[in-house]
Amino acid sequence: MKQIYNFSAGPALLPKEVLQRAQAEMLDWHGSGMSVMEMSHRGKEFTSILEKTEADFRTLL
């Protein structure tokens, strides 16, 4: 695949390692057997993602 570089003001180019990790976790989120897109928003897996995201966001603030 040809590498394309995006220098526009919009979305930034992501490192290949980030894309590869996202690709791997797309089909099986942390060994749960399902992707984040298939999870119930009330399930324990998604709840843990939400809590971690909120904690990280509060740390950034």
PDB file of N, CA and C in Angstrom:
ATOM      1  N   MET A   1       0.839  -1.181   0.000  1.00  0.00           N
ATOM      2  CA  MET A   1       0.000   0.000   0.000  1.00  0.00           C
ATOM      3  C   MET A   1       0.885   1.245   0.000  1.00  0.00           C
ATOM      4  N   LYS A   2       0.505   2.204  -0.786  1.00  0.00           N
ATOM      5  CA  LYS A   2       1.254   3.456  -0.881  1.00  0.00           C
ATOM      6  C   LYS A   2       0.928   4.343   0.319  1.00  0.00           C
ATOM      7  N   GLN A   3       1.945   4.875   0.978  1.00  0.00           N
ATOM      8  CA  GLN A   3       1.772   5.767   2.125  1.00  0.00           C
ATOM      9  C   GLN A   3       1.442   7.168   1.640  1.00  0.00           C
ATOM     10  N   ILE A   4       0.359   7.722   2.145  1.00  0.00           N
ATOM     11  CA  ILE A   4      -0.052   9.078   1.787  1.00  0.00           C
ATOM     12  C   ILE A   4       0.117   9.971   3.009  1.00  0.00           C
ATOM     13  N   TYR A   5       0.667  11.148   2.804  1.00  0.00           N
ATOM     14  CA  TYR A   5       0.872  12.097   3.888  1.00  0.00           C
ATOM     15  C   TYR A   5      -0.150  13.214   3.772  1.00  0.00           C
ATOM     16  N   ASN A   6      -0.819  13.512   4.868  1.00  0.00           N
ATOM     17  CA  ASN A   6      -1.866  14.525   4.898  1.00  0.00           C
ATOM     18  C   ASN A   6      -1.351  15.744   5.658  1.00  0.00           C
ATOM     19  N   PHE A   7      -1.171  16.848   4.966  1.00  0.00           N
ATOM     20  CA  PHE A   7      -0.694  18.077   5.597  1.00  0.00           C
ATOM     21  C   PHE A   7      -1.799  19.125   5.716  1.00  0.00           C
ATOM     22  N   SER A   8      -3.045  18.720   5.503  1.00  0.00           N
ATOM     23  CA  SER A   8      -4.146  19.676   5.585  1.00  0.00           C
ATOM     24  C   SER A   8      -4.473  20.002   7.037  1.00  0.00           C
ATOM     25  N   ALA A   9      -5.330  20.981   7.228  1.00  0.00           N
ATOM     26  CA  ALA A   9      -5.680  21.425   8.579  1.00  0.00           C
ATOM     27  C   ALA A   9      -6.644  20.471   9.279  1.00  0.00           C
ATOM     28  N   GLY A  10      -7.162  19.510   8.581  1.00  0.00           N
ATOM     29  CA  GLY A  10      -8.134  18.571   9.149  1.00  0.00           C
ATOM     30  C   GLY A  10      -7.489  17.488   9.994  1.00  0.00           C
ATOM     31  N   PRO A  11      -8.032  16.284   9.947  1.00  0.00           N
ATOM     32  CA  PRO A  11      -7.505  15.177  10.759  1.00  0.00           C
ATOM     33  C   PRO A  11      -6.027  14.918  10.470  1.00  0.00           C
ATOM     34  N   ALA A  12      -5.306  14.569  11.507  1.00  0.00           N
ATOM     35  CA  ALA A  12      -3.869  14.340  11.384  1.00  0.00           C
ATOM     36  C   ALA A  12      -3.572  12.896  10.993  1.00  0.00           C
ATOM     37  N   LEU A  13      -2.399  12.696  10.469  1.00  0.00           N
ATOM     38  CA  LEU A  13      -1.908  11.371  10.138  1.00  0.00           C
ATOM     39  C   LEU A  13      -1.614  10.619  11.432  1.00  0.00           C
ATOM     40  N   LEU A  14      -2.116   9.397  11.548  1.00  0.00           N
ATOM     41  CA  LEU A  14      -1.875   8.593  12.747  1.00  0.00           C
ATOM     42  C   LEU A  14      -0.694   7.665  12.527  1.00  0.00           C
ATOM     43  N   PRO A  15       0.104   7.422  13.567  1.00  0.00           N
ATOM     44  CA  PRO A  15       1.212   6.477  13.438  1.00  0.00           C
ATOM     45  C   PRO A  15       0.690   5.083  13.084  1.00  0.00           C
ATOM     46  N   LYS A  16       1.458   4.351  12.301  1.00  0.00           N
ATOM     47  CA  LYS A  16       1.055   3.018  11.858  1.00  0.00           C
ATOM     48  C   LYS A  16       0.754   2.102  13.042  1.00  0.00           C
ATOM     49  N   GLU A  17       1.517   2.235  14.137  1.00  0.00           N
ATOM     50  CA  GLU A  17       1.296   1.395  15.319  1.00  0.00           C
ATOM     51  C   GLU A  17      -0.095   1.624  15.924  1.00  0.00           C
ATOM     52  N   VAL A  18      -0.547   2.861  15.907  1.00  0.00           N
ATOM     53  CA  VAL A  18      -1.878   3.190  16.433  1.00  0.00           C
ATOM     54  C   VAL A  18      -2.950   2.541  15.565  1.00  0.00           C
ATOM     55  N   LEU A  19      -2.795   2.630  14.263  1.00  0.00           N
ATOM     56  CA  LEU A  19      -3.757   2.029  13.346  1.00  0.00           C
ATOM     57  C   LEU A  19      -3.777   0.510  13.474  1.00  0.00           C
ATOM     58  N   GLN A  20      -2.608  -0.101  13.650  1.00  0.00           N
ATOM     59  CA  GLN A  20      -2.538  -1.555  13.796  1.00  0.00           C
ATOM     60  C   GLN A  20      -3.195  -2.016  15.092  1.00  0.00           C
ATOM     61  N   ARG A  21      -3.003  -1.280  16.157  1.00  0.00           N
ATOM     62  CA  ARG A  21      -3.647  -1.641  17.427  1.00  0.00           C
ATOM     63  C   ARG A  21      -5.163  -1.501  17.314  1.00  0.00           C
ATOM     64  N   ALA A  22      -5.611  -0.415  16.697  1.00  0.00           N
ATOM     65  CA  ALA A  22      -7.051  -0.221  16.498  1.00  0.00           C
ATOM     66  C   ALA A  22      -7.625  -1.336  15.637  1.00  0.00           C
ATOM     67  N   GLN A  23      -6.884  -1.750  14.632  1.00  0.00           N
ATOM     68  CA  GLN A  23      -7.328  -2.835  13.760  1.00  0.00           C
ATOM     69  C   GLN A  23      -7.476  -4.135  14.537  1.00  0.00           C
ATOM     70  N   ALA A  24      -6.496  -4.454  15.356  1.00  0.00           N
ATOM     71  CA  ALA A  24      -6.538  -5.691  16.138  1.00  0.00           C
ATOM     72  C   ALA A  24      -7.686  -5.679  17.143  1.00  0.00           C
ATOM     73  N   GLU A  25      -7.898  -4.544  17.788  1.00  0.00           N
ATOM     74  CA  GLU A  25      -8.934  -4.455  18.812  1.00  0.00           C
ATOM     75  C   GLU A  25     -10.328  -4.244  18.222  1.00  0.00           C
ATOM     76  N   MET A  26     -10.409  -3.965  16.931  1.00  0.00           N
ATOM     77  CA  MET A  26     -11.711  -3.768  16.298  1.00  0.00           C
ATOM     78  C   MET A  26     -12.547  -5.043  16.349  1.00  0.00           C
ATOM     79  N   LEU A  27     -11.911  -6.192  16.172  1.00  0.00           N
ATOM     80  CA  LEU A  27     -12.640  -7.458  16.141  1.00  0.00           C
ATOM     81  C   LEU A  27     -12.756  -8.118  17.504  1.00  0.00           C
ATOM     82  N   ASP A  28     -11.833  -7.819  18.406  1.00  0.00           N
ATOM     83  CA  ASP A  28     -11.825  -8.499  19.712  1.00  0.00           C
ATOM     84  C   ASP A  28     -11.273  -7.546  20.765  1.00  0.00           C
ATOM     85  N   TRP A  29     -12.148  -6.823  21.426  1.00  0.00           N
ATOM     86  CA  TRP A  29     -11.731  -5.844  22.424  1.00  0.00           C
ATOM     87  C   TRP A  29     -11.249  -6.549  23.685  1.00  0.00           C
ATOM     88  N   HIS A  30      -9.952  -6.518  23.912  1.00  0.00           N
ATOM     89  CA  HIS A  30      -9.311  -7.051  25.122  1.00  0.00           C
ATOM     90  C   HIS A  30      -9.786  -8.457  25.479  1.00  0.00           C
ATOM     91  N   GLY A  31      -9.916  -9.310  24.472  1.00  0.00           N
ATOM     92  CA  GLY A  31     -10.285 -10.701  24.712  1.00  0.00           C
ATOM     93  C   GLY A  31     -11.754 -10.932  25.020  1.00  0.00           C
ATOM     94  N   SER A  32     -12.588  -9.935  24.784  1.00  0.00           N
ATOM     95  CA  SER A  32     -14.018 -10.072  25.093  1.00  0.00           C
ATOM     96  C   SER A  32     -14.759 -10.899  24.049  1.00  0.00           C
ATOM     97  N   GLY A  33     -14.151 -11.068  22.867  1.00  0.00           N
ATOM     98  CA  GLY A  33     -14.800 -11.814  21.800  1.00  0.00           C
ATOM     99  C   GLY A  33     -15.706 -10.969  20.935  1.00  0.00           C
ATOM    100  N   MET A  34     -15.769  -9.670  21.193  1.00  0.00           N
ATOM    101  CA  MET A  34     -16.598  -8.782  20.374  1.00  0.00           C
ATOM    102  C   MET A  34     -15.931  -7.421  20.234  1.00  0.00           C
ATOM    103  N   SER A  35     -16.386  -6.696  19.224  1.00  0.00           N
ATOM    104  CA  SER A  35     -15.846  -5.354  19.024  1.00  0.00           C
ATOM    105  C   SER A  35     -16.612  -4.359  19.886  1.00  0.00           C
ATOM    106  N   VAL A  36     -16.053  -3.186  20.060  1.00  0.00           N
ATOM    107  CA  VAL A  36     -16.718  -2.137  20.830  1.00  0.00           C
ATOM    108  C   VAL A  36     -18.051  -1.772  20.177  1.00  0.00           C
ATOM    109  N   MET A  37     -18.108  -1.850  18.863  1.00  0.00           N
ATOM    110  CA  MET A  37     -19.338  -1.490  18.149  1.00  0.00           C
ATOM    111  C   MET A  37     -20.471  -2.480  18.394  1.00  0.00           C
ATOM    112  N   GLU A  38     -20.142  -3.685  18.861  1.00  0.00           N
ATOM    113  CA  GLU A  38     -21.160  -4.706  19.111  1.00  0.00           C
ATOM    114  C   GLU A  38     -21.600  -4.770  20.570  1.00  0.00           C
ATOM    115  N   MET A  39     -20.914  -4.067  21.429  1.00  0.00           N
ATOM    116  CA  MET A  39     -21.184  -4.149  22.869  1.00  0.00           C
ATOM    117  C   MET A  39     -22.432  -3.371  23.259  1.00  0.00           C
ATOM    118  N   SER A  40     -23.081  -3.867  24.289  1.00  0.00           N
ATOM    119  CA  SER A  40     -24.184  -3.121  24.882  1.00  0.00           C
ATOM    120  C   SER A  40     -23.614  -1.919  25.625  1.00  0.00           C
ATOM    121  N   HIS A  41     -24.258  -0.790  25.498  1.00  0.00           N
ATOM    122  CA  HIS A  41     -23.785   0.397  26.214  1.00  0.00           C
ATOM    123  C   HIS A  41     -24.010   0.264  27.717  1.00  0.00           C
ATOM    124  N   ARG A  42     -24.694  -0.795  28.137  1.00  0.00           N
ATOM    125  CA  ARG A  42     -24.894  -1.047  29.563  1.00  0.00           C
ATOM    126  C   ARG A  42     -24.022  -2.195  30.076  1.00  0.00           C
ATOM    127  N   GLY A  43     -23.264  -2.818  29.175  1.00  0.00           N
ATOM    128  CA  GLY A  43     -22.435  -3.958  29.547  1.00  0.00           C
ATOM    129  C   GLY A  43     -21.201  -3.557  30.333  1.00  0.00           C
ATOM    130  N   LYS A  44     -20.623  -4.542  31.043  1.00  0.00           N
ATOM    131  CA  LYS A  44     -19.463  -4.245  31.893  1.00  0.00           C
ATOM    132  C   LYS A  44     -18.243  -3.828  31.078  1.00  0.00           C
ATOM    133  N   GLU A  45     -18.068  -4.412  29.875  1.00  0.00           N
ATOM    134  CA  GLU A  45     -16.911  -4.047  29.057  1.00  0.00           C
ATOM    135  C   GLU A  45     -16.992  -2.585  28.629  1.00  0.00           C
ATOM    136  N   PHE A  46     -18.158  -2.184  28.127  1.00  0.00           N
ATOM    137  CA  PHE A  46     -18.312  -0.803  27.674  1.00  0.00           C
ATOM    138  C   PHE A  46     -18.263   0.171  28.842  1.00  0.00           C
ATOM    139  N   THR A  47     -18.847  -0.219  29.965  1.00  0.00           N
ATOM    140  CA  THR A  47     -18.815   0.641  31.151  1.00  0.00           C
ATOM    141  C   THR A  47     -17.379   0.904  31.581  1.00  0.00           C
ATOM    142  N   SER A  48     -16.528  -0.131  31.505  1.00  0.00           N
ATOM    143  CA  SER A  48     -15.123   0.064  31.886  1.00  0.00           C
ATOM    144  C   SER A  48     -14.410   0.995  30.908  1.00  0.00           C
ATOM    145  N   ILE A  49     -14.740   0.907  29.627  1.00  0.00           N
ATOM    146  CA  ILE A  49     -14.163   1.821  28.634  1.00  0.00           C
ATOM    147  C   ILE A  49     -14.584   3.254  28.944  1.00  0.00           C
ATOM    148  N   LEU A  50     -15.855   3.434  29.227  1.00  0.00           N
ATOM    149  CA  LEU A  50     -16.384   4.769  29.527  1.00  0.00           C
ATOM    150  C   LEU A  50     -15.741   5.361  30.782  1.00  0.00           C
ATOM    151  N   GLU A  51     -15.606   4.549  31.828  1.00  0.00           N
ATOM    152  CA  GLU A  51     -14.997   5.033  33.074  1.00  0.00           C
ATOM    153  C   GLU A  51     -13.538   5.416  32.864  1.00  0.00           C
ATOM    154  N   LYS A  52     -12.802   4.617  32.103  1.00  0.00           N
ATOM    155  CA  LYS A  52     -11.391   4.915  31.831  1.00  0.00           C
ATOM    156  C   LYS A  52     -11.277   6.197  31.007  1.00  0.00           C
ATOM    157  N   THR A  53     -12.136   6.343  30.022  1.00  0.00           N
ATOM    158  CA  THR A  53     -12.126   7.548  29.188  1.00  0.00           C
ATOM    159  C   THR A  53     -12.408   8.790  30.022  1.00  0.00           C
ATOM    160  N   GLU A  54     -13.398   8.696  30.886  1.00  0.00           N
ATOM    161  CA  GLU A  54     -13.743   9.837  31.743  1.00  0.00           C
ATOM    162  C   GLU A  54     -12.597  10.182  32.694  1.00  0.00           C
ATOM    163  N   ALA A  55     -11.962   9.174  33.272  1.00  0.00           N
ATOM    164  CA  ALA A  55     -10.835   9.412  34.183  1.00  0.00           C
ATOM    165  C   ALA A  55      -9.662  10.058  33.441  1.00  0.00           C
ATOM    166  N   ASP A  56      -9.372   9.560  32.237  1.00  0.00           N
ATOM    167  CA  ASP A  56      -8.285  10.140  31.442  1.00  0.00           C
ATOM    168  C   ASP A  56      -8.587  11.590  31.075  1.00  0.00           C
ATOM    169  N   PHE A  57      -9.835  11.863  30.727  1.00  0.00           N
ATOM    170  CA  PHE A  57     -10.236  13.224  30.371  1.00  0.00           C
ATOM    171  C   PHE A  57     -10.082  14.165  31.565  1.00  0.00           C
ATOM    172  N   ARG A  58     -10.492  13.703  32.733  1.00  0.00           N
ATOM    173  CA  ARG A  58     -10.362  14.532  33.937  1.00  0.00           C
ATOM    174  C   ARG A  58      -8.889  14.798  34.260  1.00  0.00           C
ATOM    175  N   THR A  59      -8.028  13.825  33.999  1.00  0.00           N
ATOM    176  CA  THR A  59      -6.591  14.009  34.215  1.00  0.00           C
ATOM    177  C   THR A  59      -6.047  15.095  33.288  1.00  0.00           C
ATOM    178  N   LEU A  60      -6.525  15.102  32.058  1.00  0.00           N
ATOM    179  CA  LEU A  60      -6.075  16.111  31.097  1.00  0.00           C
ATOM    180  C   LEU A  60      -6.515  17.516  31.477  1.00  0.00           C
ATOM    181  N   LEU A  61      -7.672  17.609  32.123  1.00  0.00           N
ATOM    182  CA  LEU A  61      -8.170  18.925  32.514  1.00  0.00           C
ATOM    183  C   LEU A  61      -7.352  19.444  33.659  1.00  0.00           C
TER     184      LEU A  61
END
